[in-house]
Protein backbone atom coordinates (compact mmCIF):
# COMPACT_ATOMS: atom_id res chain seq x y z
CA MET A 1 146.20 97.00 -165.80
CA SER A 2 146.95 100.90 -166.41
CA MET A 3 150.19 102.31 -166.92
CA PRO A 4 151.28 104.69 -164.10
CA LYS A 5 151.10 108.66 -165.28
CA MET A 6 154.47 109.93 -165.33
CA PHE A 7 153.25 113.52 -167.07
CA ASP A 8 150.55 116.06 -166.98
CA ALA A 9 150.01 117.93 -170.16
CA ARG A 10 148.15 121.13 -170.86
CA ILE A 11 147.67 123.57 -173.60
CA GLU A 12 148.52 127.22 -173.03
CA GLY A 13 147.88 129.18 -176.28
CA ASP A 14 149.58 127.46 -178.73
CA THR A 15 152.27 125.82 -176.55
CA LEU A 16 152.10 122.32 -174.88
CA VAL A 17 153.04 122.67 -171.49
CA VAL A 18 154.52 119.01 -170.17
CA GLU A 19 155.02 118.62 -166.40
CA SER A 20 157.03 115.50 -164.91
CA LEU A 21 154.77 113.97 -161.89
CA GLY A 22 157.47 112.22 -160.48
CA ASN A 23 160.74 110.76 -161.02
CA ALA A 24 161.67 110.53 -164.88
CA GLY A 25 164.42 108.67 -164.13
CA SER A 26 162.47 105.79 -163.86
CA LEU A 27 160.50 106.03 -167.09
CA VAL A 28 161.56 102.83 -169.15
CA GLY A 29 160.53 100.78 -172.18
CA GLU A 30 156.85 100.32 -172.15
CA GLU A 31 155.94 103.40 -169.92
CA MET A 32 158.08 105.62 -171.86
CA ALA A 33 156.37 104.40 -175.32
CA TYR A 34 152.82 105.00 -173.58
CA GLU A 35 153.59 108.42 -172.41
CA LEU A 36 155.12 109.66 -175.38
CA THR A 37 152.45 108.43 -177.78
CA GLY A 38 150.09 110.40 -175.68
CA LEU A 39 152.18 113.58 -175.93
CA LEU A 40 152.71 113.51 -179.48
CA ASP A 41 149.25 112.56 -180.26
CA GLN A 42 148.15 115.60 -178.27
CA PHE A 43 150.77 117.82 -180.03
CA GLU A 44 149.86 116.65 -183.38
CA LYS A 45 146.07 116.90 -182.58
CA SER A 46 146.40 120.65 -182.26
CA ASP A 47 147.50 123.93 -183.78
CA LEU A 48 150.46 124.20 -181.49
CA HIS A 49 153.99 125.73 -182.49
CA GLY A 50 155.49 125.39 -178.89
CA ALA A 51 156.63 123.18 -175.97
CA VAL A 52 157.46 123.81 -172.52
CA ILE A 53 158.90 120.99 -170.37
CA ASP A 54 158.72 121.48 -166.70
CA LEU A 55 161.03 118.96 -164.82
CA ARG A 56 160.95 120.38 -161.29
CA ASN A 57 159.63 117.08 -160.06
CA SER A 58 162.46 115.26 -161.68
CA PRO A 59 165.72 115.86 -159.85
CA TYR A 60 167.36 113.00 -162.16
CA PHE A 61 166.18 111.71 -165.53
CA GLY A 62 167.96 109.36 -167.92
CA THR A 63 168.18 108.56 -171.37
CA SER A 64 164.31 107.71 -171.77
CA MET A 65 163.43 111.33 -170.75
CA LEU A 66 165.98 112.57 -173.16
CA GLN A 67 163.85 110.62 -176.08
CA VAL A 68 160.88 112.31 -175.06
CA MET A 69 162.20 115.58 -175.08
CA THR A 70 163.57 114.96 -178.54
CA ALA A 71 160.91 113.35 -180.24
CA LEU A 72 158.74 116.56 -178.93
CA TRP A 73 161.16 118.91 -179.81
CA LYS A 74 161.45 117.37 -183.62
CA ARG A 75 157.55 117.97 -183.96
CA VAL A 76 157.76 121.52 -182.44
CA ARG A 77 160.74 122.18 -185.01
CA ALA A 78 159.19 120.90 -187.79
CA ARG A 79 156.13 123.47 -187.22
CA GLY A 80 158.77 126.00 -187.12
CA GLY A 81 158.26 126.71 -182.96
CA THR A 82 160.61 126.51 -180.17
CA MET A 83 160.71 124.38 -177.04
CA ALA A 84 162.24 125.51 -173.47
CA VAL A 85 162.70 123.45 -170.61
CA CYS A 86 162.42 124.72 -166.89
CA GLY A 87 162.59 123.27 -163.24
CA LEU A 88 165.91 121.74 -163.90
CA SER A 89 167.91 120.52 -160.58
CA ASP A 90 171.42 121.20 -160.80
CA THR A 91 171.78 117.36 -161.88
CA GLY A 92 169.14 117.92 -164.78
CA LEU A 93 170.88 120.90 -165.86
CA GLU A 94 174.30 118.83 -165.83
CA ILE A 95 172.81 116.20 -167.90
CA LEU A 96 171.55 118.73 -170.18
CA GLN A 97 175.04 120.07 -170.56
CA VAL A 98 176.63 116.86 -170.91
CA THR A 99 174.59 115.79 -173.93
CA ARG A 100 174.67 119.28 -175.13
CA PHE A 101 170.93 119.57 -175.29
CA ASP A 102 171.23 122.90 -173.35
CA THR A 103 172.48 124.27 -176.79
CA LEU A 104 169.00 123.16 -178.87
CA TRP A 105 166.52 124.40 -176.01
CA PRO A 106 166.22 127.85 -173.90
CA ILE A 107 166.85 126.55 -170.20
CA CYS A 108 164.63 128.64 -167.85
CA SER A 109 164.22 128.95 -164.32
CA SER A 110 160.35 128.90 -164.09
CA GLN A 111 157.61 127.81 -166.10
CA GLU A 112 156.41 131.46 -166.85
CA GLU A 113 160.02 132.36 -168.16
CA ALA A 114 159.90 129.24 -170.26
CA LEU A 115 156.28 130.31 -171.84
CA LYS A 116 157.78 133.58 -172.72
CA ALA A 117 160.58 132.21 -174.15
CA VAL A 118 158.46 129.94 -176.40
CA ALA A 119 156.30 133.09 -177.54
CA GLU A 120 159.09 134.80 -178.50
CA PRO A 121 159.70 135.13 -182.42
């Protein structure tokens, strides 16, 4: 049985753009590990330096999504790059503020803005 796909990922220049395809609050256990492995493999197999995570389709997310974001950010940081987050709902922004992740990543209102934030030196 195949796992439901929770993310769409594509490469824009030297940036991996990850878009949630639905409620990331429901990502758990085996689903999360499967999705995370795919994202990290895509990042590692390319000469990428940045990442954008677009959560416009996920008004809420929990610790599993934060783990995905943190794992990807560690890879980006190891390459001297930047990761940005965009498309946050008010609840999503509050989650990042409470966990203080908003101090690690630029929070952008659009994917275009996030791509620019990641491209800046």
